[in-house]
Amino acid sequence: MLLRRPFVLIAAALLALAGLGGAVIAQMESGERGILPIDSTGTLEITGIKVDVGGKDADSARYAGWRIAQREGFKALWAKMNKRPVNEAPNLPDSALDNLVSSIVVENEQIGPNRYIASLGLLFDRTRAGEILGLAGEIRRSAPMLLIPVLISGGTATSVELRNPWQRAWAQFRTSQSAIDYVRVSGLGVDPLLVNAAQTRRPGRGWWRNILDLYGAANILVAEVRLDRLYPGGPSKALFIGRFGPDGRTLGSFELTARNSDDLPRMMNEGVQRMDNLFTQALAAGIVRGDPDLIIRAEAPAKEEDEAPIAAEVAPTVVQVLVIERGEAAAVAQSIAQIRGLAGVIWVTQAPLPNGNANLAVNYRGDAATLGSVLSSRGWAVTNRGGVLYVTRGAAPGVSPSQ
């Protein structure tokens, strides 16, 4: 019985570990995670357009409200882009605005039998509306910045580990009009393990380099909000803090309030707008910028040590070569052909000598001594007499060229 107890304890430990592993896997596969950011590269947005209009029925009032929102929204966007008063904006007909507006976002609406009260946002097609709005090319943008939204509520800090209203507000934020090039994570896949609230408190640059390299960013922006609720579903107050870099440098803060839980999304959306303005001001001041120390750069391949240096070009020299084969014409012709085929030989001219020997002028890249060494290495007998080479097969030539 005593012998069985250790095995029982080991089995219980293994079962506990297996259960813990299953819990981790279940947590990673939870459906309460992940909000895909909106792609806003092709649109221009204006929000907070208030309308209050009546009509003969609910549909007519709503249609009239949307018409008014298009007119006022275009003027508000024109004034924002050109930094001019709204009353200076051009008046466009409804038919032209229908072609410019890509969609209407309902932020809040109340529909009655013959009245429509709403807060609306409008998305304008960037290609069609850009010229009319006076957009002068592309706006200056920052280096890619990895955005980490952190929500602290009830003493618990979360980022993208679980869906929350602060993450949703950033995912719905249309970044095309911002000077900050945001890199927003969705919270799917490995995002909760790499980009979480705990990671924002780690100043070590080694791990940050790997994270930024994975997401293609050059630095970090942390958008933190501390949410305090008076009671569940009741009024709430939030402190928004913008931080920059691995060291968490504070860029600024502000406070906002919400009347109740239904007003919380409005407060979060306003917080995103003001946080973006905070980051943009820091960019203009030269604070928000890429950090070369956080960017992994590919190293240039090292040169091979055994790489042979490129030989300098050698000037050609005309060397006189006397081929002596003791009257054997066939052997002389063969020797001349072999000399023509040597490396470094440019051309060869031939003059006959008595007894069938040959007097050659060899244009060679090198001097007479070098050519003599090459011929000797090929099995020739070579005698150098004042720069004139006497060559033959076998023993060194002992006869003069006049013989």
Protein backbone atom coordinates (compact mmCIF):
# COMPACT_ATOMS: atom_id res chain seq x y z
CA MET A 1 0.00 0.00 0.00
CA LEU A 2 2.88 2.34 0.85
CA LEU A 3 4.53 1.59 -2.46
CA ARG A 4 1.43 2.58 -4.40
CA ARG A 5 1.16 6.04 -2.83
CA PRO A 6 4.02 7.66 -4.83
CA PHE A 7 2.58 6.31 -8.07
CA VAL A 8 -0.82 7.72 -7.15
CA LEU A 9 0.72 11.14 -6.45
CA ILE A 10 2.62 11.11 -9.76
CA ALA A 11 -0.51 10.13 -11.65
CA ALA A 12 -2.48 12.91 -9.96
CA ALA A 13 0.23 15.44 -10.88
CA LEU A 14 0.20 14.32 -14.51
CA LEU A 15 -3.58 14.62 -14.65
CA ALA A 16 -3.37 18.11 -13.16
CA LEU A 17 -0.79 19.15 -15.75
CA ALA A 18 -2.92 17.71 -18.53
CA GLY A 19 -5.92 19.64 -17.24
CA LEU A 20 -3.88 22.83 -17.03
CA GLY A 21 -2.68 22.35 -20.59
CA GLY A 22 -6.27 21.87 -21.72
CA ALA A 23 -7.27 25.03 -19.90
CA VAL A 24 -4.51 27.01 -21.64
CA ILE A 25 -5.56 25.66 -25.03
CA ALA A 26 -9.20 26.43 -24.29
CA GLN A 27 -8.24 29.95 -23.24
CA MET A 28 -6.27 30.52 -26.47
CA GLU A 29 -9.21 29.24 -28.53
CA SER A 30 -11.75 31.39 -26.70
CA GLY A 31 -14.35 33.08 -28.90
CA GLU A 32 -14.19 36.26 -26.74
CA ARG A 33 -11.04 37.45 -28.45
CA GLY A 34 -10.22 39.34 -31.62
CA ILE A 35 -11.57 42.51 -33.29
CA LEU A 36 -10.33 43.13 -36.83
CA PRO A 37 -9.34 46.78 -37.44
CA ILE A 38 -11.27 48.66 -40.11
CA ASP A 39 -9.40 49.36 -43.35
CA SER A 40 -9.92 53.07 -44.03
CA THR A 41 -7.26 53.72 -46.66
CA GLY A 42 -9.81 54.71 -49.32
CA THR A 43 -12.16 56.90 -47.28
CA LEU A 44 -12.36 60.24 -45.50
CA GLU A 45 -14.49 60.45 -42.36
CA ILE A 46 -16.35 63.13 -40.45
CA THR A 47 -18.30 62.30 -37.30
CA GLY A 48 -20.71 63.91 -34.87
CA ILE A 49 -23.13 65.46 -37.37
CA LYS A 50 -26.35 66.24 -35.43
CA VAL A 51 -29.72 66.24 -37.22
CA ASP A 52 -33.23 66.89 -35.93
CA VAL A 53 -35.84 66.94 -38.68
CA GLY A 54 -39.52 66.15 -39.15
CA GLY A 55 -41.48 64.52 -41.99
CA LYS A 56 -44.85 63.12 -42.95
CA ASP A 57 -43.70 59.69 -41.72
CA ALA A 58 -40.68 58.04 -40.16
CA ASP A 59 -39.01 57.07 -43.46
CA SER A 60 -39.40 60.56 -44.91
CA ALA A 61 -37.96 62.15 -41.79
CA ARG A 62 -35.01 59.77 -41.82
CA TYR A 63 -34.32 60.39 -45.51
CA ALA A 64 -34.46 64.15 -44.96
CA GLY A 65 -32.11 63.81 -41.99
CA TRP A 66 -29.55 61.91 -44.04
CA ARG A 67 -29.74 64.56 -46.79
CA ILE A 68 -29.01 67.29 -44.28
CA ALA A 69 -26.19 65.23 -42.78
CA GLN A 70 -24.51 64.90 -46.20
CA ARG A 71 -24.57 68.66 -46.76
CA GLU A 72 -23.36 69.59 -43.29
CA GLY A 73 -20.87 66.73 -43.22
CA PHE A 74 -19.19 67.82 -46.45
CA LYS A 75 -18.88 71.41 -45.22
CA ALA A 76 -17.48 70.27 -41.88
CA LEU A 77 -14.93 68.00 -43.60
CA TRP A 78 -13.94 70.76 -46.04
CA ALA A 79 -13.40 73.19 -43.13
CA LYS A 80 -11.35 70.56 -41.26
CA MET A 81 -9.13 69.77 -44.24
CA ASN A 82 -8.55 73.39 -45.25
CA LYS A 83 -8.56 74.87 -41.71
CA ARG A 84 -11.15 77.45 -42.77
CA PRO A 85 -14.56 78.47 -41.38
CA VAL A 86 -17.51 76.26 -42.26
CA ASN A 87 -19.39 79.15 -43.90
CA GLU A 88 -16.68 79.35 -46.58
CA ALA A 89 -17.26 75.75 -47.72
CA PRO A 90 -18.80 75.29 -51.19
CA ASN A 91 -22.45 74.30 -51.56
CA LEU A 92 -22.74 71.10 -53.58
CA PRO A 93 -26.03 69.73 -54.94
CA ASP A 94 -27.43 66.53 -53.46
CA SER A 95 -26.75 64.63 -56.71
CA ALA A 96 -23.02 65.43 -56.43
CA LEU A 97 -22.92 64.53 -52.74
CA ASP A 98 -24.54 61.17 -53.49
CA ASN A 99 -21.51 60.33 -55.65
CA LEU A 100 -19.02 61.47 -53.01
CA VAL A 101 -20.53 59.80 -49.93
CA SER A 102 -19.66 56.11 -49.73
CA SER A 103 -21.61 55.34 -46.54
CA ILE A 104 -23.40 56.86 -43.54
CA VAL A 105 -22.50 55.63 -40.05
CA VAL A 106 -25.31 55.82 -37.48
CA GLU A 107 -23.74 56.75 -34.15
CA ASN A 108 -27.03 57.29 -32.35
CA GLU A 109 -30.59 57.78 -33.58
CA GLN A 110 -34.14 58.19 -32.33
CA ILE A 111 -36.96 57.52 -34.80
CA GLY A 112 -40.47 58.76 -34.16
CA PRO A 113 -43.70 58.64 -36.22
CA ASN A 114 -42.77 61.90 -38.00
CA ARG A 115 -39.43 62.96 -36.51
CA TYR A 116 -35.82 61.86 -36.77
CA ILE A 117 -33.10 62.80 -34.26
CA ALA A 118 -29.64 61.34 -34.78
CA SER A 119 -25.88 61.71 -34.54
CA LEU A 120 -24.31 60.54 -37.79
CA GLY A 121 -20.90 60.02 -39.33
CA LEU A 122 -20.16 60.18 -43.05
CA LEU A 123 -17.52 58.39 -45.12
CA PHE A 124 -16.45 60.15 -48.32
CA ASP A 125 -14.67 58.40 -51.17
CA ARG A 126 -11.07 59.67 -51.06
CA THR A 127 -10.53 59.43 -54.82
CA ARG A 128 -13.67 61.35 -55.78
CA ALA A 129 -13.77 63.87 -52.94
CA GLY A 130 -10.04 64.50 -52.55
CA GLU A 131 -9.72 67.14 -55.25
CA ILE A 132 -12.89 68.98 -54.22
CA LEU A 133 -11.79 69.00 -50.58
CA GLY A 134 -8.45 70.50 -51.55
CA LEU A 135 -6.21 67.64 -50.47
CA ALA A 136 -2.65 68.44 -51.56
CA GLY A 137 -1.12 65.02 -52.15
CA GLU A 138 -0.23 62.63 -49.37
CA ILE A 139 0.05 63.86 -45.79
CA ARG A 140 3.31 63.49 -43.89
CA ARG A 141 3.12 60.36 -41.74
CA SER A 142 5.21 58.91 -38.98
CA ALA A 143 7.24 55.73 -39.05
CA PRO A 144 5.07 52.63 -38.37
CA MET A 145 4.03 52.63 -34.71
CA LEU A 146 2.78 49.52 -32.93
CA LEU A 147 -0.35 50.59 -31.01
CA ILE A 148 -1.16 48.79 -27.76
CA PRO A 149 -4.53 49.78 -26.21
CA VAL A 150 -4.60 49.05 -22.46
CA LEU A 151 -7.81 49.15 -20.39
CA ILE A 152 -7.55 49.16 -16.58
CA SER A 153 -10.90 48.43 -14.94
CA GLY A 154 -11.56 46.96 -11.53
CA GLY A 155 -7.85 46.71 -10.87
CA THR A 156 -7.28 44.44 -13.90
CA ALA A 157 -5.27 45.56 -16.92
CA THR A 158 -6.08 44.01 -20.31
CA SER A 159 -5.11 44.82 -23.86
CA VAL A 160 -6.21 42.45 -26.62
CA GLU A 161 -6.42 39.37 -24.38
CA LEU A 162 -10.23 39.83 -24.23
CA ARG A 163 -12.58 42.01 -26.22
CA ASN A 164 -13.23 45.34 -24.54
CA PRO A 165 -14.73 48.72 -25.53
CA TRP A 166 -11.32 50.44 -25.70
CA GLN A 167 -9.95 47.88 -28.17
CA ARG A 168 -13.15 48.13 -30.22
CA ALA A 169 -12.90 51.93 -30.40
CA TRP A 170 -9.36 51.70 -31.78
CA ALA A 171 -10.34 48.95 -34.23
CA GLN A 172 -13.14 51.19 -35.58
CA PHE A 173 -10.94 54.29 -35.74
CA ARG A 174 -10.29 55.37 -39.32
CA THR A 175 -6.58 56.07 -39.50
CA SER A 176 -6.33 57.36 -43.08
CA GLN A 177 -6.56 60.99 -41.96
CA SER A 178 -4.07 60.63 -39.10
CA ALA A 179 -0.42 61.63 -39.30
CA ILE A 180 0.44 58.51 -37.26
CA ASP A 181 1.01 55.31 -39.20
CA TYR A 182 -0.63 52.91 -36.73
CA VAL A 183 0.05 49.18 -36.70
CA ARG A 184 -3.04 47.74 -34.98
CA VAL A 185 -3.28 44.13 -33.82
CA SER A 186 -6.56 42.22 -33.90
CA GLY A 187 -6.07 40.01 -30.86
CA LEU A 188 -6.23 36.82 -32.92
CA GLY A 189 -3.54 34.14 -33.14
CA VAL A 190 -0.44 34.85 -31.06
CA ASP A 191 -1.33 38.53 -30.47
CA PRO A 192 -2.44 38.03 -26.82
CA LEU A 193 0.86 36.30 -26.00
CA LEU A 194 3.08 38.95 -27.60
CA VAL A 195 1.12 42.20 -27.27
CA ASN A 196 -0.55 42.38 -23.87
CA ALA A 197 -0.84 44.72 -20.91
CA ALA A 198 2.07 43.09 -19.07
CA GLN A 199 4.39 43.56 -22.06
CA THR A 200 3.94 47.35 -21.91
CA ARG A 201 5.68 47.35 -18.50
CA ARG A 202 8.82 45.61 -19.76
CA PRO A 203 11.50 48.10 -20.78
CA GLY A 204 13.97 45.47 -22.06
CA ARG A 205 14.73 46.15 -25.72
CA GLY A 206 15.78 42.63 -26.68
CA TRP A 207 12.23 41.23 -26.66
CA TRP A 208 10.79 44.46 -28.10
CA ARG A 209 13.07 44.14 -31.12
CA ASN A 210 11.61 40.73 -31.94
CA ILE A 211 8.01 41.95 -31.49
CA LEU A 212 8.49 45.07 -33.63
CA ASP A 213 10.26 43.04 -36.30
CA LEU A 214 7.33 40.61 -36.39
CA TYR A 215 4.71 43.36 -36.80
CA GLY A 216 6.84 45.61 -39.05
CA ALA A 217 6.93 48.61 -36.69
CA ALA A 218 9.66 51.04 -35.64
CA ASN A 219 8.46 51.97 -32.13
CA ILE A 220 5.61 51.62 -29.61
CA LEU A 221 2.60 53.76 -28.68
CA VAL A 222 0.59 52.75 -25.58
CA ALA A 223 -2.94 54.17 -25.28
CA GLU A 224 -3.95 53.55 -21.65
CA VAL A 225 -7.35 54.26 -20.07
CA ARG A 226 -8.23 53.84 -16.39
CA LEU A 227 -11.97 53.34 -16.11
CA ASP A 228 -13.86 53.90 -12.84
CA ARG A 229 -17.59 53.10 -12.65
CA LEU A 230 -19.75 54.60 -9.90
CA TYR A 231 -21.83 51.42 -9.99
CA PRO A 232 -22.51 48.72 -12.65
CA GLY A 233 -24.36 50.29 -15.56
CA GLY A 234 -24.10 53.76 -14.06
CA PRO A 235 -21.94 56.83 -14.68
CA SER A 236 -18.22 56.32 -15.26
CA LYS A 237 -15.10 58.45 -15.39
CA ALA A 238 -11.97 57.62 -17.36
CA LEU A 239 -8.40 58.88 -17.28
CA PHE A 240 -6.67 58.56 -20.66
CA ILE A 241 -2.83 58.44 -20.73
CA GLY A 242 -0.65 58.34 -23.84
CA ARG A 243 2.79 56.70 -23.57
CA PHE A 244 5.64 56.27 -26.03
CA GLY A 245 8.50 53.81 -26.41
CA PRO A 246 9.65 50.78 -24.40
CA ASP A 247 10.34 53.04 -21.41
CA GLY A 248 6.71 54.22 -21.33
CA ARG A 249 7.42 57.95 -21.64
CA THR A 250 4.23 59.85 -20.79
CA LEU A 251 3.09 62.18 -23.58
CA GLY A 252 -0.01 63.58 -21.86
CA SER A 253 -3.38 62.74 -20.30
CA PHE A 254 -7.00 63.89 -20.16
CA GLU A 255 -10.30 62.89 -18.52
CA LEU A 256 -13.71 62.09 -19.98
CA THR A 257 -17.02 60.97 -18.47
CA ALA A 258 -19.92 58.79 -19.59
CA ARG A 259 -23.48 59.06 -18.31
CA ASN A 260 -24.12 55.32 -18.30
CA SER A 261 -23.12 52.08 -20.01
CA ASP A 262 -24.92 53.09 -23.22
CA ASP A 263 -22.80 56.26 -23.34
CA LEU A 264 -19.54 54.33 -22.86
CA PRO A 265 -18.87 53.69 -26.61
CA ARG A 266 -19.27 57.41 -27.29
CA MET A 267 -16.73 58.24 -24.59
CA MET A 268 -14.26 55.66 -25.93
CA ASN A 269 -14.58 56.97 -29.49
CA GLU A 270 -13.97 60.51 -28.28
CA GLY A 271 -11.01 59.25 -26.27
CA VAL A 272 -9.49 57.71 -29.42
CA GLN A 273 -9.84 61.01 -31.30
CA ARG A 274 -8.18 63.00 -28.53
CA MET A 275 -5.49 60.37 -28.04
CA ASP A 276 -4.69 60.54 -31.75
CA ASN A 277 -4.38 64.33 -31.45
CA LEU A 278 -2.01 63.80 -28.51
CA PHE A 279 0.18 61.44 -30.51
CA THR A 280 0.10 63.80 -33.52
CA GLN A 281 1.25 66.74 -31.41
CA ALA A 282 4.12 64.64 -30.06
CA LEU A 283 5.04 63.72 -33.65
CA ALA A 284 5.11 67.38 -34.65
CA ALA A 285 7.34 68.12 -31.63
CA GLY A 286 9.81 65.43 -32.75
CA ILE A 287 9.13 63.13 -29.79
CA VAL A 288 7.31 60.31 -31.58
CA ARG A 289 9.76 58.79 -34.05
CA GLY A 290 11.32 55.49 -35.02
CA ASP A 291 14.15 54.12 -32.89
CA PRO A 292 17.06 52.59 -34.86
CA ASP A 293 18.02 50.61 -31.76
CA LEU A 294 14.71 48.71 -32.00
CA ILE A 295 15.03 47.78 -35.68
CA ILE A 296 16.70 44.51 -36.63
CA ARG A 297 18.86 45.12 -39.68
CA ALA A 298 20.22 42.41 -41.93
CA GLU A 299 24.01 42.19 -41.73
CA ALA A 300 26.00 42.54 -44.95
CA PRO A 301 27.65 39.27 -45.99
CA ALA A 302 31.30 39.16 -44.97
CA LYS A 303 33.91 38.91 -47.71
CA GLU A 304 35.60 35.57 -48.03
CA GLU A 305 39.14 35.70 -46.68
CA ASP A 306 40.45 33.45 -49.40
CA GLU A 307 39.02 35.62 -52.14
CA ALA A 308 41.78 36.07 -54.72
CA PRO A 309 42.68 39.68 -55.57
CA ILE A 310 42.00 40.78 -59.11
CA ALA A 311 45.22 40.65 -61.09
CA ALA A 312 46.34 43.87 -62.72
CA GLU A 313 46.38 44.04 -66.49
CA VAL A 314 49.89 43.14 -67.85
CA ALA A 315 51.16 45.08 -70.88
CA PRO A 316 52.06 42.86 -73.86
CA THR A 317 55.66 42.49 -75.03
CA VAL A 318 57.05 41.25 -78.35
CA VAL A 319 59.53 38.45 -77.63
CA GLN A 320 61.81 36.92 -80.27
CA VAL A 321 61.66 33.12 -80.15
CA LEU A 322 63.90 30.87 -82.28
CA VAL A 323 62.47 27.39 -82.75
CA ILE A 324 65.17 24.84 -83.54
CA GLU A 325 64.10 21.34 -84.43
CA ARG A 326 67.24 20.29 -86.41
CA GLY A 327 65.65 20.36 -89.83
CA GLU A 328 62.41 18.54 -89.03
CA ALA A 329 59.79 20.72 -90.71
CA ALA A 330 56.81 18.84 -89.24
CA ALA A 331 58.20 19.19 -85.71
CA VAL A 332 58.76 22.94 -86.25
CA ALA A 333 55.18 23.45 -87.47
CA GLN A 334 53.82 21.54 -84.47
CA SER A 335 55.93 23.60 -82.06
CA ILE A 336 54.73 26.88 -83.60
CA ALA A 337 51.09 25.75 -83.27
CA GLN A 338 51.65 24.93 -79.59
CA ILE A 339 53.25 28.33 -78.93
CA ARG A 340 50.27 30.06 -80.56
CA GLY A 341 47.94 28.23 -78.13
CA LEU A 342 49.73 29.30 -74.94
CA ALA A 343 47.80 31.48 -72.47
CA GLY A 344 48.85 35.13 -72.81
CA VAL A 345 49.93 34.85 -76.45
CA ILE A 346 48.14 37.49 -78.54
CA TRP A 347 49.65 36.89 -81.96
CA VAL A 348 52.66 35.17 -83.58
CA THR A 349 54.51 36.08 -86.81
CA GLN A 350 56.96 33.70 -88.45
CA ALA A 351 60.11 34.12 -90.55
CA PRO A 352 61.91 31.08 -92.01
CA LEU A 353 65.45 30.11 -91.02
CA PRO A 354 67.97 27.74 -92.70
CA ASN A 355 67.55 24.01 -92.13
CA GLY A 356 63.77 24.42 -91.64
CA ASN A 357 63.95 26.20 -88.27
CA ALA A 358 61.71 29.22 -87.46
CA ASN A 359 62.21 32.78 -86.23
CA LEU A 360 59.08 33.91 -84.34
CA ALA A 361 57.95 37.29 -83.08
CA VAL A 362 55.55 36.47 -80.19
CA ASN A 363 53.28 39.21 -78.81
CA TYR A 364 52.96 38.01 -75.22
CA ARG A 365 51.37 39.46 -72.05
CA GLY A 366 54.56 39.41 -69.99
CA ASP A 367 58.30 39.54 -70.53
CA ALA A 368 60.80 37.12 -72.11
CA ALA A 369 61.68 35.51 -68.78
CA THR A 370 58.03 34.75 -68.03
CA LEU A 371 57.42 33.27 -71.47
CA GLY A 372 60.60 31.16 -71.06
CA SER A 373 59.32 29.82 -67.74
CA VAL A 374 55.98 28.89 -69.30
CA LEU A 375 57.68 27.06 -72.15
CA SER A 376 59.97 25.22 -69.73
CA SER A 377 56.94 24.09 -67.69
CA ARG A 378 55.47 22.64 -70.87
CA GLY A 379 58.55 20.40 -71.44
CA TRP A 380 60.58 22.68 -73.74
CA ALA A 381 64.32 23.23 -73.48
CA VAL A 382 64.78 27.03 -73.31
CA THR A 383 67.94 29.18 -73.50
CA ASN A 384 67.62 32.92 -72.90
CA ARG A 385 70.37 34.88 -74.66
CA GLY A 386 69.90 38.62 -74.10
CA GLY A 387 66.11 38.40 -74.21
CA VAL A 388 66.01 36.07 -77.25
CA LEU A 389 64.60 32.64 -76.49
CA TYR A 390 66.12 29.56 -78.18
CA VAL A 391 63.66 26.69 -77.73
CA THR A 392 63.57 23.08 -78.77
CA ARG A 393 62.21 19.77 -77.66
CA GLY A 394 64.48 17.72 -75.40
CA ALA A 395 68.02 18.99 -74.56
CA ALA A 396 68.95 22.65 -74.67
CA PRO A 397 69.76 23.81 -78.18
CA GLY A 398 73.44 23.73 -78.96
CA VAL A 399 73.35 25.01 -82.54
CA SER A 400 73.07 28.51 -83.82
CA PRO A 401 70.08 29.62 -85.88
CA SER A 402 72.29 30.05 -88.95
CA GLN A 403 73.25 26.44 -89.05
